[in-house]
C-alpha cells in the first residue's frame, strides 16, 4: 500500500512541476508581447 501511495504522490509532484514550467513559459511569452507593444507605441 505504501508503494502505491508513494507512486501516486511522485506522479502528482511531476505533473505539478510540469504545470509550473508551462505557466512560467506562458508568462515569458506574454511579457515579450508586452515589450513589443511598448516599443511600437514609442
Protein backbone atom coordinates (compact mmCIF):
# COMPACT_ATOMS: atom_id res chain seq x y z
CA UNK A 1 0.00 0.00 0.00
CA UNK A 2 2.83 2.40 0.84
CA UNK A 3 4.40 1.72 -2.53
CA UNK A 4 1.20 2.62 -4.37
CA UNK A 5 0.75 5.84 -2.39
CA UNK A 6 4.39 6.79 -2.98
CA UNK A 7 3.95 6.25 -6.71
CA UNK A 8 0.79 8.36 -6.80
CA UNK A 9 2.49 11.12 -4.83
CA UNK A 10 5.51 11.07 -7.17
CA UNK A 11 3.27 11.23 -10.24
CA UNK A 12 1.30 14.14 -8.78
CA UNK A 13 4.51 16.02 -7.98
CA UNK A 14 5.81 15.52 -11.52
CA UNK A 15 2.56 16.81 -13.00
CA UNK A 16 2.63 19.85 -10.71
CA UNK A 17 6.19 20.70 -11.73
CA UNK A 18 5.34 20.32 -15.42
CA UNK A 19 2.41 22.69 -14.91
CA UNK A 20 4.66 25.28 -13.27
CA UNK A 21 7.05 25.21 -16.21
CA UNK A 22 4.18 25.69 -18.63
CA UNK A 23 2.79 28.66 -16.73
CA UNK A 24 6.26 30.20 -16.45
CA UNK A 25 6.79 29.85 -20.20
CA UNK A 26 3.40 31.44 -20.86
CA UNK A 27 4.32 34.37 -18.62
CA UNK A 28 7.55 34.93 -20.55
CA UNK A 29 5.65 34.90 -23.86
CA UNK A 30 3.15 37.45 -22.57
CA UNK A 31 5.98 39.63 -21.25
CA UNK A 32 7.72 39.61 -24.64
CA UNK A 33 4.43 40.52 -26.34
CA UNK A 34 4.05 43.47 -23.97
CA UNK A 35 7.59 44.65 -24.72
CA UNK A 36 6.88 44.59 -28.46
CA UNK A 37 3.71 46.62 -27.95
CA UNK A 38 5.63 49.16 -25.83
CA UNK A 39 8.31 49.58 -28.48
CA UNK A 40 5.78 50.07 -31.25
CA UNK A 41 3.90 52.63 -29.13
CA UNK A 42 7.06 54.72 -28.69
